[in-house]
């Protein structure tokens, strides 16, 4: 499934929830589905700086596809990073770099989060793209 297809699927799933409490519960449930993050990845190198909560992001490349793992000490933040992992996981680095991350605006989540948590969404997207850049084709990016 492509990144835009995953984004559309996520937006469709969220559209079923008309109450914000239900949407938050959905986001938190997504965080609980994340694969466990190894203890070795819970360090300063993997920490996304600038987030109100602690958020760790690990990335590796397997068969040309980026594999993300993430965790947070906050349930809602863990759920938010899980949305990005769901959309960007197992994609080619160059596809991640070209991905339109404005889909998160369409979820409406930013409007219902404290400004510091809303800012964390942008930081997460940026960090995931930076991790993908490390695995991308050097001739694609000057």
C-alpha atoms as a PDB file:
ATOM      1  CA  UNK A   1       0.000   0.000   0.000  1.00  0.00           C
ATOM      2  CA  UNK A   2       1.367   3.447  -0.913  1.00  0.00           C
ATOM      3  CA  UNK A   3       1.748   6.333   1.529  1.00  0.00           C
ATOM      4  CA  UNK A   4      -1.246   8.249   0.055  1.00  0.00           C
ATOM      5  CA  UNK A   5      -3.356   5.080   0.255  1.00  0.00           C
ATOM      6  CA  UNK A   6      -2.384   4.586   3.907  1.00  0.00           C
ATOM      7  CA  UNK A   7      -3.173   8.250   4.620  1.00  0.00           C
ATOM      8  CA  UNK A   8      -6.598   7.925   2.995  1.00  0.00           C
ATOM      9  CA  UNK A   9      -7.288   4.736   4.945  1.00  0.00           C
ATOM     10  CA  UNK A  10      -6.379   6.439   8.220  1.00  0.00           C
ATOM     11  CA  UNK A  11      -8.554   9.469   7.448  1.00  0.00           C
ATOM     12  CA  UNK A  12     -11.441   7.173   6.547  1.00  0.00           C
ATOM     13  CA  UNK A  13     -11.070   5.246   9.819  1.00  0.00           C
ATOM     14  CA  UNK A  14     -11.007   8.488  11.811  1.00  0.00           C
ATOM     15  CA  UNK A  15     -14.094   9.766   9.984  1.00  0.00           C
ATOM     16  CA  UNK A  16     -16.160   7.043  11.666  1.00  0.00           C
ATOM     17  CA  UNK A  17     -15.646   8.778  15.004  1.00  0.00           C
ATOM     18  CA  UNK A  18     -17.774  11.884  15.414  1.00  0.00           C
ATOM     19  CA  UNK A  19     -16.949  12.415  19.073  1.00  0.00           C
ATOM     20  CA  UNK A  20     -13.442  13.655  19.963  1.00  0.00           C
ATOM     21  CA  UNK A  21     -13.234  11.353  22.950  1.00  0.00           C
ATOM     22  CA  UNK A  22     -13.722   8.405  20.593  1.00  0.00           C
ATOM     23  CA  UNK A  23     -11.025   9.757  18.266  1.00  0.00           C
ATOM     24  CA  UNK A  24      -8.595  10.115  21.161  1.00  0.00           C
ATOM     25  CA  UNK A  25      -9.336   6.553  22.227  1.00  0.00           C
ATOM     26  CA  UNK A  26      -8.674   5.397  18.655  1.00  0.00           C
ATOM     27  CA  UNK A  27      -5.336   7.254  18.586  1.00  0.00           C
ATOM     28  CA  UNK A  28      -4.331   5.811  21.973  1.00  0.00           C
ATOM     29  CA  UNK A  29      -5.290   2.321  20.763  1.00  0.00           C
ATOM     30  CA  UNK A  30      -2.994   2.782  17.765  1.00  0.00           C
ATOM     31  CA  UNK A  31      -0.125   3.550  20.129  1.00  0.00           C
ATOM     32  CA  UNK A  32      -0.779   0.346  22.033  1.00  0.00           C
ATOM     33  CA  UNK A  33      -0.368  -1.604  18.772  1.00  0.00           C
ATOM     34  CA  UNK A  34       3.213  -0.406  18.225  1.00  0.00           C
ATOM     35  CA  UNK A  35       5.904  -3.057  18.327  1.00  0.00           C
ATOM     36  CA  UNK A  36       7.972  -2.765  21.488  1.00  0.00           C
ATOM     37  CA  UNK A  37      10.965  -0.455  21.267  1.00  0.00           C
ATOM     38  CA  UNK A  38      14.204  -2.075  22.440  1.00  0.00           C
ATOM     39  CA  UNK A  39      15.608  -0.565  25.625  1.00  0.00           C
ATOM     40  CA  UNK A  40      18.791   0.279  23.707  1.00  0.00           C
ATOM     41  CA  UNK A  41      16.771   2.725  21.571  1.00  0.00           C
ATOM     42  CA  UNK A  42      15.511   4.648  24.612  1.00  0.00           C
ATOM     43  CA  UNK A  43      18.444   7.027  24.674  1.00  0.00           C
ATOM     44  CA  UNK A  44      19.260  10.622  23.762  1.00  0.00           C
ATOM     45  CA  UNK A  45      20.202   9.652  20.189  1.00  0.00           C
ATOM     46  CA  UNK A  46      16.680   8.356  19.515  1.00  0.00           C
ATOM     47  CA  UNK A  47      14.820  11.032  21.462  1.00  0.00           C
ATOM     48  CA  UNK A  48      12.816  13.547  19.426  1.00  0.00           C
ATOM     49  CA  UNK A  49      13.886  16.844  20.926  1.00  0.00           C
ATOM     50  CA  UNK A  50      11.313  19.563  21.480  1.00  0.00           C
ATOM     51  CA  UNK A  51       8.369  17.338  22.347  1.00  0.00           C
ATOM     52  CA  UNK A  52       6.621  17.938  25.660  1.00  0.00           C
ATOM     53  CA  UNK A  53       6.612  14.185  26.305  1.00  0.00           C
ATOM     54  CA  UNK A  54       9.511  11.872  25.689  1.00  0.00           C
ATOM     55  CA  UNK A  55       9.266  10.326  22.226  1.00  0.00           C
ATOM     56  CA  UNK A  56      11.835   7.870  20.915  1.00  0.00           C
ATOM     57  CA  UNK A  57      12.167   7.001  17.244  1.00  0.00           C
ATOM     58  CA  UNK A  58      14.288   4.249  15.750  1.00  0.00           C
ATOM     59  CA  UNK A  59      14.668   3.526  12.057  1.00  0.00           C
ATOM     60  CA  UNK A  60      16.384   0.810  10.099  1.00  0.00           C
ATOM     61  CA  UNK A  61      16.309  -0.295   6.491  1.00  0.00           C
ATOM     62  CA  UNK A  62      15.321  -3.780   5.409  1.00  0.00           C
ATOM     63  CA  UNK A  63      15.242  -4.771   1.733  1.00  0.00           C
ATOM     64  CA  UNK A  64      15.187  -1.124   0.671  1.00  0.00           C
ATOM     65  CA  UNK A  65      12.269  -0.216   2.938  1.00  0.00           C
ATOM     66  CA  UNK A  66      12.449   1.895   6.096  1.00  0.00           C
ATOM     67  CA  UNK A  67      11.237   0.235   9.264  1.00  0.00           C
ATOM     68  CA  UNK A  68      10.249   2.588  12.048  1.00  0.00           C
ATOM     69  CA  UNK A  69       9.804   1.783  15.720  1.00  0.00           C
ATOM     70  CA  UNK A  70       8.717   4.338  18.253  1.00  0.00           C
ATOM     71  CA  UNK A  71       7.526   4.820  21.798  1.00  0.00           C
ATOM     72  CA  UNK A  72       6.547   7.597  24.183  1.00  0.00           C
ATOM     73  CA  UNK A  73       5.953   8.034  27.890  1.00  0.00           C
ATOM     74  CA  UNK A  74       2.558   9.619  27.084  1.00  0.00           C
ATOM     75  CA  UNK A  75      -0.379   7.592  25.756  1.00  0.00           C
ATOM     76  CA  UNK A  76      -1.690  10.284  23.406  1.00  0.00           C
ATOM     77  CA  UNK A  77       1.796  11.098  22.096  1.00  0.00           C
ATOM     78  CA  UNK A  78       2.508   7.406  21.572  1.00  0.00           C
ATOM     79  CA  UNK A  79      -0.714   7.213  19.608  1.00  0.00           C
ATOM     80  CA  UNK A  80       0.244  10.211  17.487  1.00  0.00           C
ATOM     81  CA  UNK A  81       3.644   8.763  16.581  1.00  0.00           C
ATOM     82  CA  UNK A  82       1.879   5.463  15.847  1.00  0.00           C
ATOM     83  CA  UNK A  83      -0.190   7.228  13.174  1.00  0.00           C
ATOM     84  CA  UNK A  84       3.010   8.343  11.445  1.00  0.00           C
ATOM     85  CA  UNK A  85       4.574   4.901  11.821  1.00  0.00           C
ATOM     86  CA  UNK A  86       1.458   3.328  10.303  1.00  0.00           C
ATOM     87  CA  UNK A  87       1.615   5.629   7.280  1.00  0.00           C
ATOM     88  CA  UNK A  88       5.394   5.659   6.680  1.00  0.00           C
ATOM     89  CA  UNK A  89       6.489   2.203   7.822  1.00  0.00           C
ATOM     90  CA  UNK A  90       7.827  -0.200   5.194  1.00  0.00           C
ATOM     91  CA  UNK A  91       8.132   2.465   2.517  1.00  0.00           C
ATOM     92  CA  UNK A  92      11.073   3.438   0.308  1.00  0.00           C
ATOM     93  CA  UNK A  93      13.155   6.303   1.741  1.00  0.00           C
ATOM     94  CA  UNK A  94      12.587   8.511  -1.293  1.00  0.00           C
ATOM     95  CA  UNK A  95       8.813   7.975  -1.059  1.00  0.00           C
ATOM     96  CA  UNK A  96       8.909   9.042   2.598  1.00  0.00           C
ATOM     97  CA  UNK A  97      10.902  12.145   1.701  1.00  0.00           C
ATOM     98  CA  UNK A  98       8.351  13.107  -0.958  1.00  0.00           C
ATOM     99  CA  UNK A  99       5.319  12.309   1.217  1.00  0.00           C
ATOM    100  CA  UNK A 100       2.831  15.076   1.850  1.00  0.00           C
ATOM    101  CA  UNK A 101       2.540  15.117   5.625  1.00  0.00           C
ATOM    102  CA  UNK A 102      -0.368  17.561   5.628  1.00  0.00           C
ATOM    103  CA  UNK A 103      -2.676  14.566   6.010  1.00  0.00           C
ATOM    104  CA  UNK A 104      -2.250  15.019   9.750  1.00  0.00           C
ATOM    105  CA  UNK A 105      -3.993  18.406   9.422  1.00  0.00           C
ATOM    106  CA  UNK A 106      -6.961  16.621   7.846  1.00  0.00           C
ATOM    107  CA  UNK A 107      -7.349  14.404  10.904  1.00  0.00           C
ATOM    108  CA  UNK A 108      -8.354  17.466  12.913  1.00  0.00           C
ATOM    109  CA  UNK A 109      -6.129  16.321  15.765  1.00  0.00           C
ATOM    110  CA  UNK A 110      -4.044  19.499  15.847  1.00  0.00           C
ATOM    111  CA  UNK A 111      -7.131  21.594  16.551  1.00  0.00           C
ATOM    112  CA  UNK A 112      -7.918  19.571  19.664  1.00  0.00           C
ATOM    113  CA  UNK A 113      -4.431  19.371  21.122  1.00  0.00           C
ATOM    114  CA  UNK A 114      -2.549  21.748  23.343  1.00  0.00           C
ATOM    115  CA  UNK A 115      -0.139  23.871  21.248  1.00  0.00           C
ATOM    116  CA  UNK A 116       2.894  21.979  22.582  1.00  0.00           C
ATOM    117  CA  UNK A 117       1.397  18.625  21.559  1.00  0.00           C
ATOM    118  CA  UNK A 118       0.347  20.005  18.166  1.00  0.00           C
ATOM    119  CA  UNK A 119       3.930  21.192  17.641  1.00  0.00           C
ATOM    120  CA  UNK A 120       5.102  17.661  18.442  1.00  0.00           C
ATOM    121  CA  UNK A 121       3.273  16.384  15.351  1.00  0.00           C
ATOM    122  CA  UNK A 122       5.453  18.572  13.128  1.00  0.00           C
ATOM    123  CA  UNK A 123       8.587  17.493  14.982  1.00  0.00           C
ATOM    124  CA  UNK A 124       7.675  13.821  14.552  1.00  0.00           C
ATOM    125  CA  UNK A 125       7.082  14.215  10.816  1.00  0.00           C
ATOM    126  CA  UNK A 126      10.374  16.077  10.404  1.00  0.00           C
ATOM    127  CA  UNK A 127      12.339  13.477  12.359  1.00  0.00           C
ATOM    128  CA  UNK A 128      10.868  10.612  10.366  1.00  0.00           C
ATOM    129  CA  UNK A 129      11.830  12.321   7.117  1.00  0.00           C
ATOM    130  CA  UNK A 130      15.339  12.959   8.466  1.00  0.00           C
ATOM    131  CA  UNK A 131      15.698   9.272   9.340  1.00  0.00           C
ATOM    132  CA  UNK A 132      14.535   8.346   5.816  1.00  0.00           C
ATOM    133  CA  UNK A 133      17.040  10.808   4.339  1.00  0.00           C
ATOM    134  CA  UNK A 134      19.843   8.849   5.961  1.00  0.00           C
ATOM    135  CA  UNK A 135      18.771   5.818   3.911  1.00  0.00           C
ATOM    136  CA  UNK A 136      17.889   7.596   0.662  1.00  0.00           C
ATOM    137  CA  UNK A 137      19.675   7.433  -2.668  1.00  0.00           C
ATOM    138  CA  UNK A 138      22.556   9.919  -2.520  1.00  0.00           C
ATOM    139  CA  UNK A 139      22.144  10.876  -6.189  1.00  0.00           C
ATOM    140  CA  UNK A 140      18.506  11.870  -5.525  1.00  0.00           C
ATOM    141  CA  UNK A 141      19.384  14.561  -2.967  1.00  0.00           C
ATOM    142  CA  UNK A 142      22.229  17.081  -3.340  1.00  0.00           C
END
